[in-house]
């Protein structure tokens, strides 16, 4: 929810940092870019991130009336990936997998509907299909 900088002094040393979503409050450009700058500054070799329900601009299907009216999801995601990417050790996962040092990580942001946020699907076949796409052997 945009409080990532408060975590800096509490993070243990390591090779991989996994951030499980809600890196912004509403997915605004300034929030996304600040998160990217923070991730880039961290001493981890690999920084894996997955969107959360507050990361509105990362969900192309989001159409509810919340802060996203001031965002352009394609432009924000493009600005993020142009500024921060694999050369910085940053990997964004959305319904996909990466293998790091022999460990497989699958990231998916989808959740049951909750409060008109991002990455929400009604319980049922569509949400089940998203979750069933996670490889069984991970």
N, C-alpha and C. Protein backbone atom coordinates (compact mmCIF):
# COMPACT_ATOMS: atom_id res chain seq x y z
N UNK A 1 0.81 -1.20 0.00
CA UNK A 1 0.00 0.00 0.00
C UNK A 1 0.85 1.26 0.00
N UNK A 2 2.01 1.16 -0.59
CA UNK A 2 2.86 2.34 -0.68
C UNK A 2 3.76 2.57 0.51
N UNK A 3 3.83 1.63 1.42
CA UNK A 3 4.67 1.78 2.61
C UNK A 3 5.96 0.98 2.50
N UNK A 4 6.37 0.66 1.29
CA UNK A 4 7.52 -0.21 1.08
C UNK A 4 8.80 0.34 1.68
N UNK A 5 9.00 1.63 1.66
CA UNK A 5 10.25 2.19 2.18
C UNK A 5 10.42 1.94 3.68
N UNK A 6 9.29 1.76 4.37
CA UNK A 6 9.35 1.44 5.80
C UNK A 6 9.92 0.04 6.06
N UNK A 7 9.95 -0.78 5.04
CA UNK A 7 10.44 -2.15 5.18
C UNK A 7 11.96 -2.26 5.03
N UNK A 8 12.58 -1.28 4.43
CA UNK A 8 14.00 -1.39 4.06
C UNK A 8 14.89 -1.88 5.19
N UNK A 9 14.75 -1.30 6.36
CA UNK A 9 15.63 -1.66 7.47
C UNK A 9 15.25 -3.00 8.10
N UNK A 10 14.09 -3.53 7.76
CA UNK A 10 13.63 -4.79 8.35
C UNK A 10 13.86 -6.01 7.46
N UNK A 11 14.31 -5.78 6.23
CA UNK A 11 14.51 -6.90 5.32
C UNK A 11 15.80 -7.63 5.65
N UNK A 12 15.75 -8.95 5.76
CA UNK A 12 16.99 -9.70 6.00
C UNK A 12 17.81 -9.76 4.72
N UNK A 13 19.08 -10.03 4.85
CA UNK A 13 19.93 -10.19 3.67
C UNK A 13 19.47 -11.42 2.91
N UNK A 14 19.69 -11.41 1.61
CA UNK A 14 19.31 -12.57 0.81
C UNK A 14 19.62 -12.36 -0.65
N UNK A 15 19.38 -13.38 -1.43
CA UNK A 15 19.59 -13.32 -2.87
C UNK A 15 18.31 -12.95 -3.61
N UNK A 16 17.16 -13.35 -3.05
CA UNK A 16 15.87 -13.16 -3.72
C UNK A 16 14.90 -12.47 -2.78
N UNK A 17 14.25 -11.44 -3.29
CA UNK A 17 13.16 -10.79 -2.57
C UNK A 17 11.88 -11.07 -3.34
N UNK A 18 10.86 -11.53 -2.67
CA UNK A 18 9.57 -11.79 -3.29
C UNK A 18 8.55 -10.85 -2.68
N UNK A 19 7.97 -9.99 -3.52
CA UNK A 19 6.94 -9.04 -3.06
C UNK A 19 5.60 -9.50 -3.61
N UNK A 20 4.69 -9.83 -2.72
CA UNK A 20 3.43 -10.45 -3.09
C UNK A 20 2.27 -9.51 -3.33
N UNK A 21 2.51 -8.30 -3.77
CA UNK A 21 1.41 -7.44 -4.18
C UNK A 21 1.10 -6.30 -3.24
N UNK A 22 0.22 -5.42 -3.73
CA UNK A 22 -0.16 -4.19 -3.04
C UNK A 22 1.04 -3.29 -2.82
N UNK A 23 1.80 -3.08 -3.89
CA UNK A 23 2.93 -2.16 -3.79
C UNK A 23 2.49 -0.72 -3.98
N UNK A 24 1.22 -0.51 -4.32
CA UNK A 24 0.66 0.84 -4.41
C UNK A 24 -0.67 0.88 -3.65
N UNK A 25 -1.22 2.08 -3.54
CA UNK A 25 -2.55 2.21 -2.95
C UNK A 25 -3.62 2.13 -4.04
N UNK A 26 -3.35 2.76 -5.20
CA UNK A 26 -4.32 2.74 -6.30
C UNK A 26 -3.66 2.66 -7.67
N UNK A 27 -2.38 2.35 -7.75
CA UNK A 27 -1.73 2.14 -9.03
C UNK A 27 -1.37 3.39 -9.81
N UNK A 28 -1.29 4.53 -9.13
CA UNK A 28 -0.93 5.77 -9.80
C UNK A 28 0.54 5.73 -10.26
N UNK A 29 0.86 6.46 -11.30
CA UNK A 29 2.21 6.46 -11.87
C UNK A 29 3.28 6.76 -10.82
N UNK A 30 3.07 7.77 -10.00
CA UNK A 30 4.06 8.14 -9.00
C UNK A 30 4.32 7.00 -8.02
N UNK A 31 3.25 6.30 -7.61
CA UNK A 31 3.39 5.18 -6.69
C UNK A 31 4.18 4.04 -7.33
N UNK A 32 3.84 3.72 -8.56
CA UNK A 32 4.49 2.63 -9.27
C UNK A 32 5.98 2.92 -9.47
N UNK A 33 6.30 4.14 -9.87
CA UNK A 33 7.69 4.50 -10.13
C UNK A 33 8.50 4.57 -8.83
N UNK A 34 7.88 5.03 -7.75
CA UNK A 34 8.57 5.05 -6.47
C UNK A 34 8.88 3.63 -6.00
N UNK A 35 7.93 2.73 -6.19
CA UNK A 35 8.16 1.34 -5.83
C UNK A 35 9.31 0.75 -6.65
N UNK A 36 9.33 1.04 -7.94
CA UNK A 36 10.41 0.55 -8.80
C UNK A 36 11.77 1.08 -8.36
N UNK A 37 11.83 2.36 -8.03
CA UNK A 37 13.09 2.95 -7.57
C UNK A 37 13.54 2.29 -6.27
N UNK A 38 12.60 2.03 -5.38
CA UNK A 38 12.93 1.36 -4.12
C UNK A 38 13.45 -0.04 -4.39
N UNK A 39 12.73 -0.81 -5.22
CA UNK A 39 13.19 -2.17 -5.54
C UNK A 39 14.60 -2.15 -6.12
N UNK A 40 14.82 -1.25 -7.05
CA UNK A 40 16.14 -1.16 -7.70
C UNK A 40 17.24 -0.88 -6.68
N UNK A 41 16.92 -0.13 -5.65
CA UNK A 41 17.93 0.26 -4.66
C UNK A 41 18.31 -0.87 -3.70
N UNK A 42 17.51 -1.91 -3.66
CA UNK A 42 17.74 -2.99 -2.70
C UNK A 42 18.89 -3.89 -3.15
N UNK A 43 19.64 -4.47 -2.20
CA UNK A 43 20.83 -5.24 -2.54
C UNK A 43 20.57 -6.68 -2.97
N UNK A 44 19.32 -7.05 -3.24
CA UNK A 44 19.01 -8.40 -3.67
C UNK A 44 19.35 -8.57 -5.15
N UNK A 45 19.88 -9.72 -5.52
CA UNK A 45 20.20 -9.98 -6.93
C UNK A 45 18.92 -10.11 -7.74
N UNK A 46 17.90 -10.73 -7.17
CA UNK A 46 16.62 -10.96 -7.85
C UNK A 46 15.50 -10.37 -7.00
N UNK A 47 14.62 -9.61 -7.66
CA UNK A 47 13.47 -9.00 -6.98
C UNK A 47 12.23 -9.37 -7.77
N UNK A 48 11.45 -10.29 -7.24
CA UNK A 48 10.28 -10.80 -7.93
C UNK A 48 9.04 -10.15 -7.34
N UNK A 49 8.20 -9.62 -8.21
CA UNK A 49 6.99 -8.95 -7.74
C UNK A 49 5.76 -9.50 -8.44
N UNK A 50 4.66 -9.49 -7.71
CA UNK A 50 3.37 -9.94 -8.20
C UNK A 50 2.38 -8.84 -7.86
N UNK A 51 1.48 -8.54 -8.76
CA UNK A 51 0.48 -7.51 -8.50
C UNK A 51 -0.48 -7.93 -7.40
N UNK A 52 -1.09 -6.94 -6.79
CA UNK A 52 -2.10 -7.18 -5.77
C UNK A 52 -3.36 -6.41 -6.10
N UNK A 53 -4.37 -6.55 -5.28
CA UNK A 53 -5.65 -5.93 -5.60
C UNK A 53 -5.62 -4.40 -5.56
N UNK A 54 -4.61 -3.80 -4.96
CA UNK A 54 -4.50 -2.34 -4.96
C UNK A 54 -3.71 -1.82 -6.16
N UNK A 55 -3.07 -2.69 -6.88
CA UNK A 55 -2.22 -2.28 -8.01
C UNK A 55 -3.05 -2.17 -9.28
N UNK A 56 -4.00 -1.24 -9.25
CA UNK A 56 -5.04 -1.11 -10.27
C UNK A 56 -4.49 -1.01 -11.69
N UNK A 57 -3.43 -0.26 -11.87
CA UNK A 57 -2.93 -0.03 -13.23
C UNK A 57 -2.24 -1.24 -13.83
N UNK A 58 -2.01 -2.29 -13.04
CA UNK A 58 -1.41 -3.50 -13.59
C UNK A 58 -2.47 -4.50 -14.05
N UNK A 59 -3.74 -4.22 -13.76
CA UNK A 59 -4.84 -5.10 -14.16
C UNK A 59 -5.56 -4.48 -15.35
N UNK A 60 -5.27 -4.99 -16.53
CA UNK A 60 -5.88 -4.44 -17.75
C UNK A 60 -7.40 -4.60 -17.77
N UNK A 61 -7.93 -5.58 -17.05
CA UNK A 61 -9.37 -5.81 -17.07
C UNK A 61 -10.12 -4.97 -16.05
N UNK A 62 -9.40 -4.22 -15.24
CA UNK A 62 -10.05 -3.43 -14.17
C UNK A 62 -10.85 -2.29 -14.78
N UNK A 63 -12.13 -2.20 -14.39
CA UNK A 63 -12.96 -1.12 -14.93
C UNK A 63 -13.88 -0.48 -13.88
N UNK A 64 -13.64 -0.77 -12.62
CA UNK A 64 -14.46 -0.16 -11.57
C UNK A 64 -14.09 1.30 -11.39
N UNK A 65 -14.91 2.02 -10.65
CA UNK A 65 -14.69 3.45 -10.45
C UNK A 65 -13.91 3.68 -9.17
N UNK A 66 -12.62 3.56 -9.26
CA UNK A 66 -11.72 3.84 -8.15
C UNK A 66 -10.56 4.61 -8.78
N UNK A 67 -9.61 5.04 -8.08
CA UNK A 67 -8.54 5.92 -8.53
C UNK A 67 -8.01 5.76 -9.93
N UNK A 68 -8.29 4.64 -10.59
CA UNK A 68 -7.70 4.39 -11.90
C UNK A 68 -8.16 5.38 -12.96
N UNK A 69 -9.21 6.14 -12.70
CA UNK A 69 -9.66 7.10 -13.70
C UNK A 69 -8.56 8.08 -14.05
N UNK A 70 -7.58 8.23 -13.18
CA UNK A 70 -6.45 9.12 -13.43
C UNK A 70 -5.23 8.35 -13.94
N UNK A 71 -5.41 7.10 -14.35
CA UNK A 71 -4.28 6.31 -14.78
C UNK A 71 -4.49 5.78 -16.19
N UNK A 72 -3.40 5.50 -16.85
CA UNK A 72 -3.42 4.83 -18.14
C UNK A 72 -2.60 3.57 -17.94
N UNK A 73 -3.26 2.42 -17.79
CA UNK A 73 -2.53 1.21 -17.41
C UNK A 73 -1.40 0.85 -18.37
N UNK A 74 -1.63 0.97 -19.65
CA UNK A 74 -0.57 0.62 -20.59
C UNK A 74 0.62 1.55 -20.45
N UNK A 75 0.35 2.84 -20.30
CA UNK A 75 1.44 3.82 -20.17
C UNK A 75 2.20 3.62 -18.85
N UNK A 76 1.49 3.34 -17.78
CA UNK A 76 2.13 3.16 -16.48
C UNK A 76 3.00 1.90 -16.47
N UNK A 77 2.44 0.81 -16.96
CA UNK A 77 3.22 -0.44 -16.99
C UNK A 77 4.43 -0.28 -17.91
N UNK A 78 4.26 0.40 -19.04
CA UNK A 78 5.38 0.63 -19.96
C UNK A 78 6.44 1.51 -19.31
N UNK A 79 6.03 2.54 -18.61
CA UNK A 79 6.99 3.42 -17.92
C UNK A 79 7.77 2.62 -16.88
N UNK A 80 7.08 1.75 -16.17
CA UNK A 80 7.74 0.93 -15.16
C UNK A 80 8.76 -0.01 -15.81
N UNK A 81 8.33 -0.74 -16.83
CA UNK A 81 9.24 -1.71 -17.45
C UNK A 81 10.37 -1.03 -18.22
N UNK A 82 10.13 0.17 -18.72
CA UNK A 82 11.22 0.91 -19.38
C UNK A 82 12.26 1.36 -18.36
N UNK A 83 11.81 1.75 -17.18
CA UNK A 83 12.73 2.28 -16.16
C UNK A 83 13.37 1.19 -15.33
N UNK A 84 12.65 0.11 -15.10
CA UNK A 84 13.13 -0.95 -14.20
C UNK A 84 12.84 -2.29 -14.84
N UNK A 85 13.84 -3.13 -14.88
CA UNK A 85 13.61 -4.41 -15.53
C UNK A 85 14.60 -5.46 -15.08
N UNK A 86 14.76 -6.46 -15.91
CA UNK A 86 15.61 -7.59 -15.55
C UNK A 86 17.06 -7.18 -15.36
N UNK A 87 17.51 -6.14 -16.03
CA UNK A 87 18.88 -5.68 -15.80
C UNK A 87 19.07 -5.14 -14.38
N UNK A 88 17.94 -4.78 -13.74
CA UNK A 88 17.96 -4.34 -12.34
C UNK A 88 17.59 -5.48 -11.40
N UNK A 89 17.40 -6.67 -11.96
CA UNK A 89 17.02 -7.82 -11.17
C UNK A 89 15.53 -7.88 -10.86
N UNK A 90 14.73 -7.02 -11.51
CA UNK A 90 13.30 -6.93 -11.21
C UNK A 90 12.50 -7.75 -12.22
N UNK A 91 11.67 -8.64 -11.69
CA UNK A 91 10.84 -9.52 -12.52
C UNK A 91 9.41 -9.40 -12.04
N UNK A 92 8.50 -9.02 -12.95
CA UNK A 92 7.07 -8.98 -12.63
C UNK A 92 6.41 -10.25 -13.18
N UNK A 93 5.71 -10.95 -12.31
CA UNK A 93 5.02 -12.17 -12.71
C UNK A 93 3.51 -11.96 -12.66
N UNK A 94 2.86 -12.32 -13.76
CA UNK A 94 1.40 -12.33 -13.81
C UNK A 94 0.98 -13.55 -14.61
N UNK A 95 0.54 -14.56 -13.89
CA UNK A 95 0.15 -15.83 -14.50
C UNK A 95 1.31 -16.45 -15.27
N UNK A 96 2.49 -16.38 -14.65
CA UNK A 96 3.68 -16.95 -15.29
C UNK A 96 4.69 -17.38 -14.25
N UNK A 97 5.71 -18.02 -14.73
CA UNK A 97 6.70 -18.66 -13.87
C UNK A 97 8.11 -18.19 -14.23
N UNK A 98 8.95 -18.19 -13.22
CA UNK A 98 10.37 -17.94 -13.41
C UNK A 98 11.13 -18.95 -12.53
N UNK A 99 12.30 -19.35 -12.98
CA UNK A 99 13.15 -20.21 -12.17
C UNK A 99 14.39 -19.42 -11.79
N UNK A 100 14.66 -19.33 -10.52
CA UNK A 100 15.81 -18.59 -10.00
C UNK A 100 16.61 -19.53 -9.12
N UNK A 101 17.84 -19.71 -9.46
CA UNK A 101 18.75 -20.57 -8.70
C UNK A 101 18.12 -21.94 -8.42
N UNK A 102 17.45 -22.47 -9.44
CA UNK A 102 16.84 -23.79 -9.34
C UNK A 102 15.50 -23.84 -8.64
N UNK A 103 14.99 -22.70 -8.18
CA UNK A 103 13.70 -22.65 -7.50
C UNK A 103 12.67 -22.04 -8.45
N UNK A 104 11.57 -22.75 -8.64
CA UNK A 104 10.50 -22.26 -9.51
C UNK A 104 9.53 -21.40 -8.70
N UNK A 105 9.19 -20.25 -9.27
CA UNK A 105 8.25 -19.32 -8.64
C UNK A 105 7.17 -19.02 -9.67
N UNK A 106 5.93 -19.22 -9.30
CA UNK A 106 4.80 -18.88 -10.17
C UNK A 106 4.04 -17.76 -9.50
N UNK A 107 3.77 -16.71 -10.24
CA UNK A 107 3.05 -15.57 -9.69
C UNK A 107 1.72 -15.36 -10.37
N UNK A 108 0.69 -15.25 -9.58
CA UNK A 108 -0.64 -14.93 -10.10
C UNK A 108 -1.35 -14.02 -9.08
N UNK A 109 -1.92 -12.93 -9.53
CA UNK A 109 -2.52 -11.97 -8.61
C UNK A 109 -4.01 -12.18 -8.35
N UNK A 110 -4.64 -13.14 -8.99
CA UNK A 110 -6.10 -13.25 -8.97
C UNK A 110 -6.63 -13.71 -7.62
N UNK A 111 -7.77 -13.13 -7.25
CA UNK A 111 -8.40 -13.44 -5.97
C UNK A 111 -9.92 -13.38 -6.14
N UNK A 112 -10.68 -13.94 -5.18
CA UNK A 112 -12.13 -13.80 -5.23
C UNK A 112 -12.53 -12.32 -5.12
N UNK A 113 -13.63 -11.98 -5.76
CA UNK A 113 -14.11 -10.60 -5.73
C UNK A 113 -14.12 -10.02 -4.33
N UNK A 114 -13.61 -8.78 -4.24
CA UNK A 114 -13.56 -8.10 -2.94
C UNK A 114 -13.49 -6.60 -3.17
N UNK A 115 -14.51 -5.89 -2.84
CA UNK A 115 -14.50 -4.44 -2.80
C UNK A 115 -14.13 -3.69 -4.07
N UNK A 116 -14.42 -4.20 -5.23
CA UNK A 116 -14.14 -3.49 -6.48
C UNK A 116 -12.67 -3.13 -6.66
N UNK A 117 -11.79 -4.04 -6.28
CA UNK A 117 -10.36 -3.81 -6.47
C UNK A 117 -9.88 -4.57 -7.70
N UNK A 118 -8.59 -4.49 -7.95
CA UNK A 118 -8.00 -5.14 -9.12
C UNK A 118 -7.86 -6.65 -8.93
N UNK A 119 -7.71 -7.32 -10.04
CA UNK A 119 -7.46 -8.77 -10.08
C UNK A 119 -8.53 -9.56 -9.32
N UNK A 120 -9.77 -9.08 -9.38
CA UNK A 120 -10.91 -9.75 -8.75
C UNK A 120 -11.68 -10.54 -9.80
N UNK A 121 -12.06 -11.73 -9.43
CA UNK A 121 -12.95 -12.53 -10.27
C UNK A 121 -14.00 -13.17 -9.35
N UNK A 122 -15.22 -13.35 -9.85
CA UNK A 122 -16.21 -14.03 -9.02
C UNK A 122 -15.79 -15.48 -8.79
N UNK A 123 -16.13 -15.99 -7.63
CA UNK A 123 -15.86 -17.41 -7.38
C UNK A 123 -16.60 -18.22 -8.44
N UNK A 124 -15.93 -19.21 -8.94
CA UNK A 124 -16.55 -20.04 -9.97
C UNK A 124 -15.53 -20.45 -11.01
N UNK A 125 -15.98 -20.83 -12.18
CA UNK A 125 -15.11 -21.41 -13.20
C UNK A 125 -13.96 -20.50 -13.66
N UNK A 126 -14.23 -19.20 -13.83
CA UNK A 126 -13.18 -18.31 -14.33
C UNK A 126 -12.03 -18.18 -13.34
N UNK A 127 -12.35 -18.00 -12.06
CA UNK A 127 -11.32 -17.91 -11.03
C UNK A 127 -10.63 -19.26 -10.85
N UNK A 128 -11.40 -20.32 -10.87
CA UNK A 128 -10.82 -21.67 -10.73
C UNK A 128 -9.83 -21.93 -11.86
N UNK A 129 -10.14 -21.48 -13.06
CA UNK A 129 -9.23 -21.68 -14.20
C UNK A 129 -7.91 -20.95 -13.98
N UNK A 130 -7.97 -19.76 -13.41
CA UNK A 130 -6.74 -19.01 -13.11
C UNK A 130 -5.88 -19.80 -12.12
N UNK A 131 -6.50 -20.29 -11.08
CA UNK A 131 -5.77 -21.00 -10.05
C UNK A 131 -5.29 -22.37 -10.53
N UNK A 132 -6.07 -23.01 -11.39
CA UNK A 132 -5.67 -24.30 -11.93
C UNK A 132 -4.49 -24.18 -12.90
N UNK A 133 -4.24 -22.98 -13.37
CA UNK A 133 -3.10 -22.76 -14.27
C UNK A 133 -1.76 -22.80 -13.52
N UNK A 134 -1.82 -22.72 -12.20
CA UNK A 134 -0.58 -22.84 -11.40
C UNK A 134 -0.10 -24.29 -11.52
N UNK A 135 1.13 -24.50 -11.99
CA UNK A 135 1.63 -25.87 -12.13
C UNK A 135 1.56 -26.62 -10.81
N UNK A 136 1.09 -27.86 -10.88
CA UNK A 136 0.89 -28.67 -9.68
C UNK A 136 2.19 -29.00 -8.97
N UNK A 137 3.29 -28.98 -9.68
CA UNK A 137 4.57 -29.38 -9.07
C UNK A 137 5.39 -28.22 -8.53
N UNK A 138 4.76 -27.08 -8.36
CA UNK A 138 5.47 -25.94 -7.76
C UNK A 138 5.19 -25.94 -6.27
